[in-house]
Amino acid sequence: MSKPGVQTRTPEQIQLIWKHTHRDMKSNSNGKKTILYPAPYCCLGPIEELPEEAYQRRLRYAQYKECCELRDQMLRPIMQKHGVLEHFESSMQWRDSYDDIAEFVGFALKGEPLNALLEELKRASIVYPSQAGLKGI
């Protein structure tokens, strides 16, 4: 039974939060995944027992990181094919939307090479954080 005002916490959500928590901020205690609780608590505790606000913030961050990871897996081969992988890997910025990437690669490519890359990005059906409602986390 869940508490009033507290959403059900699934094993998938807990695993996602665990995956995207820095290794210095987590531990595994007797098979239970624990993370460093935010202030004012500042102690290790089970993910499923995080206060609701902290849990939702951690979950949203983990969803954002997962979306970024999947996006980058799809972008990397395209960027390499078009010779801009070095530019792409030089910064984690300019990646939250198709328009961000178009502007960023426009610094390195012009004309037909740029158009070819942009067309390939469109065909790839990449989900960007801004599309998934995760921008600004």
C-alpha atoms as a PDB file:
ATOM      1  CA  MET A   1       0.000   0.000   0.000  1.00  0.00           C
ATOM      2  CA  SER A   2       1.376   3.412  -0.945  1.00  0.00           C
ATOM      3  CA  LYS A   3       1.275   6.506   1.217  1.00  0.00           C
ATOM      4  CA  PRO A   4      -1.031   9.408   0.259  1.00  0.00           C
ATOM      5  CA  GLY A   5       0.740  11.820  -2.111  1.00  0.00           C
ATOM      6  CA  VAL A   6       3.448   9.272  -2.914  1.00  0.00           C
ATOM      7  CA  GLN A   7       3.588   7.644  -6.338  1.00  0.00           C
ATOM      8  CA  THR A   8       4.284   3.939  -6.667  1.00  0.00           C
ATOM      9  CA  ARG A   9       8.005   3.309  -6.965  1.00  0.00           C
ATOM     10  CA  THR A  10       8.820   0.587  -9.458  1.00  0.00           C
ATOM     11  CA  PRO A  11      11.935  -1.599  -9.602  1.00  0.00           C
ATOM     12  CA  GLU A  12      12.618  -0.122 -13.070  1.00  0.00           C
ATOM     13  CA  GLN A  13      12.610   3.417 -11.667  1.00  0.00           C
ATOM     14  CA  ILE A  14      14.856   2.412  -8.785  1.00  0.00           C
ATOM     15  CA  GLN A  15      17.298   0.734 -11.194  1.00  0.00           C
ATOM     16  CA  LEU A  16      17.307   3.833 -13.429  1.00  0.00           C
ATOM     17  CA  ILE A  17      18.043   6.118 -10.472  1.00  0.00           C
ATOM     18  CA  TRP A  18      20.784   3.718  -9.352  1.00  0.00           C
ATOM     19  CA  LYS A  19      22.321   3.592 -12.834  1.00  0.00           C
ATOM     20  CA  HIS A  20      22.557   7.381 -13.113  1.00  0.00           C
ATOM     21  CA  THR A  21      23.807   8.102  -9.592  1.00  0.00           C
ATOM     22  CA  HIS A  22      27.544   8.797  -9.336  1.00  0.00           C
ATOM     23  CA  ARG A  23      29.469   5.861  -7.877  1.00  0.00           C
ATOM     24  CA  ASP A  24      30.726   8.023  -4.995  1.00  0.00           C
ATOM     25  CA  MET A  25      27.120   8.704  -4.001  1.00  0.00           C
ATOM     26  CA  LYS A  26      25.790   5.144  -3.824  1.00  0.00           C
ATOM     27  CA  SER A  27      26.295   1.822  -2.100  1.00  0.00           C
ATOM     28  CA  ASN A  28      24.829  -1.649  -2.092  1.00  0.00           C
ATOM     29  CA  SER A  29      24.000  -2.787   1.422  1.00  0.00           C
ATOM     30  CA  ASN A  30      22.832  -6.381   1.839  1.00  0.00           C
ATOM     31  CA  GLY A  31      21.417  -6.377  -1.681  1.00  0.00           C
ATOM     32  CA  LYS A  32      19.554  -3.091  -1.128  1.00  0.00           C
ATOM     33  CA  LYS A  33      20.516  -0.165  -3.346  1.00  0.00           C
ATOM     34  CA  THR A  34      21.253   2.905  -1.254  1.00  0.00           C
ATOM     35  CA  ILE A  35      22.203   6.436  -2.225  1.00  0.00           C
ATOM     36  CA  LEU A  36      23.295   9.532  -0.389  1.00  0.00           C
ATOM     37  CA  TYR A  37      20.165  11.379   0.629  1.00  0.00           C
ATOM     38  CA  PRO A  38      20.045  15.118  -0.105  1.00  0.00           C
ATOM     39  CA  ALA A  39      20.311  17.772   2.608  1.00  0.00           C
ATOM     40  CA  PRO A  40      19.154  18.000   5.334  1.00  0.00           C
ATOM     41  CA  TYR A  41      19.483  14.196   5.664  1.00  0.00           C
ATOM     42  CA  CYS A  42      23.014  13.632   4.248  1.00  0.00           C
ATOM     43  CA  CYS A  43      23.108   9.910   4.956  1.00  0.00           C
ATOM     44  CA  LEU A  44      22.898   6.719   2.918  1.00  0.00           C
ATOM     45  CA  GLY A  45      19.418   5.282   2.584  1.00  0.00           C
ATOM     46  CA  PRO A  46      17.378   3.025   0.317  1.00  0.00           C
ATOM     47  CA  ILE A  47      16.249   4.631  -2.933  1.00  0.00           C
ATOM     48  CA  GLU A  48      12.659   3.489  -2.410  1.00  0.00           C
ATOM     49  CA  GLU A  49      12.531   5.334   0.921  1.00  0.00           C
ATOM     50  CA  LEU A  50      13.692   8.714  -0.399  1.00  0.00           C
ATOM     51  CA  PRO A  51      11.343  11.578   0.463  1.00  0.00           C
ATOM     52  CA  GLU A  52       8.868  12.024  -2.417  1.00  0.00           C
ATOM     53  CA  GLU A  53      10.253  15.336  -3.684  1.00  0.00           C
ATOM     54  CA  ALA A  54      13.828  14.018  -3.708  1.00  0.00           C
ATOM     55  CA  TYR A  55      12.707  10.770  -5.355  1.00  0.00           C
ATOM     56  CA  GLN A  56      10.906  12.614  -8.153  1.00  0.00           C
ATOM     57  CA  ARG A  57      13.894  14.927  -8.706  1.00  0.00           C
ATOM     58  CA  ARG A  58      16.297  11.956  -8.879  1.00  0.00           C
ATOM     59  CA  LEU A  59      13.946  10.046 -11.177  1.00  0.00           C
ATOM     60  CA  ARG A  60      13.576  12.983 -13.556  1.00  0.00           C
ATOM     61  CA  TYR A  61      17.354  13.454 -13.652  1.00  0.00           C
ATOM     62  CA  ALA A  62      17.856   9.729 -14.329  1.00  0.00           C
ATOM     63  CA  GLN A  63      15.289   9.862 -17.157  1.00  0.00           C
ATOM     64  CA  TYR A  64      17.107  12.851 -18.635  1.00  0.00           C
ATOM     65  CA  LYS A  65      20.484  11.063 -18.451  1.00  0.00           C
ATOM     66  CA  GLU A  66      19.009   7.920 -20.017  1.00  0.00           C
ATOM     67  CA  CYS A  67      17.531   9.957 -22.876  1.00  0.00           C
ATOM     68  CA  CYS A  68      20.921  11.652 -23.395  1.00  0.00           C
ATOM     69  CA  GLU A  69      22.719   8.313 -23.399  1.00  0.00           C
ATOM     70  CA  LEU A  70      20.389   6.868 -26.050  1.00  0.00           C
ATOM     71  CA  ARG A  71      20.578  10.064 -28.108  1.00  0.00           C
ATOM     72  CA  ASP A  72      24.383  10.044 -28.063  1.00  0.00           C
ATOM     73  CA  GLN A  73      24.509   6.382 -29.095  1.00  0.00           C
ATOM     74  CA  MET A  74      22.510   7.299 -32.190  1.00  0.00           C
ATOM     75  CA  LEU A  75      24.348  10.566 -32.888  1.00  0.00           C
ATOM     76  CA  ARG A  76      27.927   9.310 -32.568  1.00  0.00           C
ATOM     77  CA  PRO A  77      28.038   7.194 -35.793  1.00  0.00           C
ATOM     78  CA  ILE A  78      26.341   9.968 -37.779  1.00  0.00           C
ATOM     79  CA  MET A  79      28.796  12.568 -36.519  1.00  0.00           C
ATOM     80  CA  GLN A  80      31.723  10.267 -37.271  1.00  0.00           C
ATOM     81  CA  LYS A  81      30.475   9.579 -40.801  1.00  0.00           C
ATOM     82  CA  HIS A  82      30.282  13.318 -41.514  1.00  0.00           C
ATOM     83  CA  GLY A  83      33.657  14.158 -39.961  1.00  0.00           C
ATOM     84  CA  VAL A  84      32.438  16.185 -36.979  1.00  0.00           C
ATOM     85  CA  LEU A  85      32.867  13.624 -34.196  1.00  0.00           C
ATOM     86  CA  GLU A  86      35.734  15.621 -32.668  1.00  0.00           C
ATOM     87  CA  HIS A  87      33.492  18.713 -32.449  1.00  0.00           C
ATOM     88  CA  PHE A  88      30.638  16.616 -31.078  1.00  0.00           C
ATOM     89  CA  GLU A  89      32.769  15.057 -28.349  1.00  0.00           C
ATOM     90  CA  SER A  90      34.365  18.370 -27.350  1.00  0.00           C
ATOM     91  CA  SER A  91      31.270  19.493 -25.457  1.00  0.00           C
ATOM     92  CA  MET A  92      28.167  18.064 -23.832  1.00  0.00           C
ATOM     93  CA  GLN A  93      26.276  21.218 -24.825  1.00  0.00           C
ATOM     94  CA  TRP A  94      24.295  21.785 -28.010  1.00  0.00           C
ATOM     95  CA  ARG A  95      22.490  18.444 -27.798  1.00  0.00           C
ATOM     96  CA  ASP A  96      19.061  19.020 -26.266  1.00  0.00           C
ATOM     97  CA  SER A  97      17.245  19.402 -29.589  1.00  0.00           C
ATOM     98  CA  TYR A  98      17.624  18.925 -33.320  1.00  0.00           C
ATOM     99  CA  ASP A  99      17.908  22.717 -33.697  1.00  0.00           C
ATOM    100  CA  ASP A 100      20.744  22.855 -31.138  1.00  0.00           C
ATOM    101  CA  ILE A 101      22.699  20.224 -33.042  1.00  0.00           C
ATOM    102  CA  ALA A 102      21.979  21.871 -36.404  1.00  0.00           C
ATOM    103  CA  GLU A 103      23.366  25.156 -35.098  1.00  0.00           C
ATOM    104  CA  PHE A 104      26.406  23.488 -33.526  1.00  0.00           C
ATOM    105  CA  VAL A 105      27.436  21.444 -36.580  1.00  0.00           C
ATOM    106  CA  GLY A 106      26.826  24.565 -38.669  1.00  0.00           C
ATOM    107  CA  PHE A 107      29.986  25.983 -37.088  1.00  0.00           C
ATOM    108  CA  ALA A 108      32.015  23.191 -38.737  1.00  0.00           C
ATOM    109  CA  LEU A 109      30.071  22.344 -41.894  1.00  0.00           C
ATOM    110  CA  LYS A 110      28.496  24.500 -44.594  1.00  0.00           C
ATOM    111  CA  GLY A 111      26.404  23.925 -47.696  1.00  0.00           C
ATOM    112  CA  GLU A 112      25.829  20.399 -49.000  1.00  0.00           C
ATOM    113  CA  PRO A 113      27.856  18.575 -46.286  1.00  0.00           C
ATOM    114  CA  LEU A 114      25.746  20.302 -43.617  1.00  0.00           C
ATOM    115  CA  ASN A 115      22.493  19.544 -45.439  1.00  0.00           C
ATOM    116  CA  ALA A 116      23.467  15.864 -45.813  1.00  0.00           C
ATOM    117  CA  LEU A 117      24.174  15.551 -42.093  1.00  0.00           C
ATOM    118  CA  LEU A 118      20.919  17.292 -41.152  1.00  0.00           C
ATOM    119  CA  GLU A 119      18.910  15.034 -43.465  1.00  0.00           C
ATOM    120  CA  GLU A 120      20.490  11.969 -41.911  1.00  0.00           C
ATOM    121  CA  LEU A 121      19.657  13.281 -38.434  1.00  0.00           C
ATOM    122  CA  LYS A 122      16.010  13.696 -39.445  1.00  0.00           C
ATOM    123  CA  ARG A 123      15.857  10.156 -40.849  1.00  0.00           C
ATOM    124  CA  ALA A 124      17.399   8.720 -37.673  1.00  0.00           C
ATOM    125  CA  SER A 125      14.302   9.612 -35.590  1.00  0.00           C
ATOM    126  CA  ILE A 126      16.418  10.546 -32.583  1.00  0.00           C
ATOM    127  CA  VAL A 127      14.525  11.477 -29.419  1.00  0.00           C
ATOM    128  CA  TYR A 128      16.051  14.586 -27.866  1.00  0.00           C
ATOM    129  CA  PRO A 129      15.567  15.608 -24.214  1.00  0.00           C
ATOM    130  CA  SER A 130      13.522  18.657 -25.259  1.00  0.00           C
ATOM    131  CA  GLN A 131      11.095  16.402 -27.190  1.00  0.00           C
ATOM    132  CA  ALA A 132      10.757  14.087 -24.204  1.00  0.00           C
ATOM    133  CA  GLY A 133       9.903  17.018 -21.916  1.00  0.00           C
ATOM    134  CA  LEU A 134      13.216  16.679 -20.091  1.00  0.00           C
ATOM    135  CA  LYS A 135      15.011  19.880 -21.081  1.00  0.00           C
ATOM    136  CA  GLY A 136      16.334  22.108 -18.339  1.00  0.00           C
ATOM    137  CA  ILE A 137      17.049  19.493 -15.710  1.00  0.00           C
END
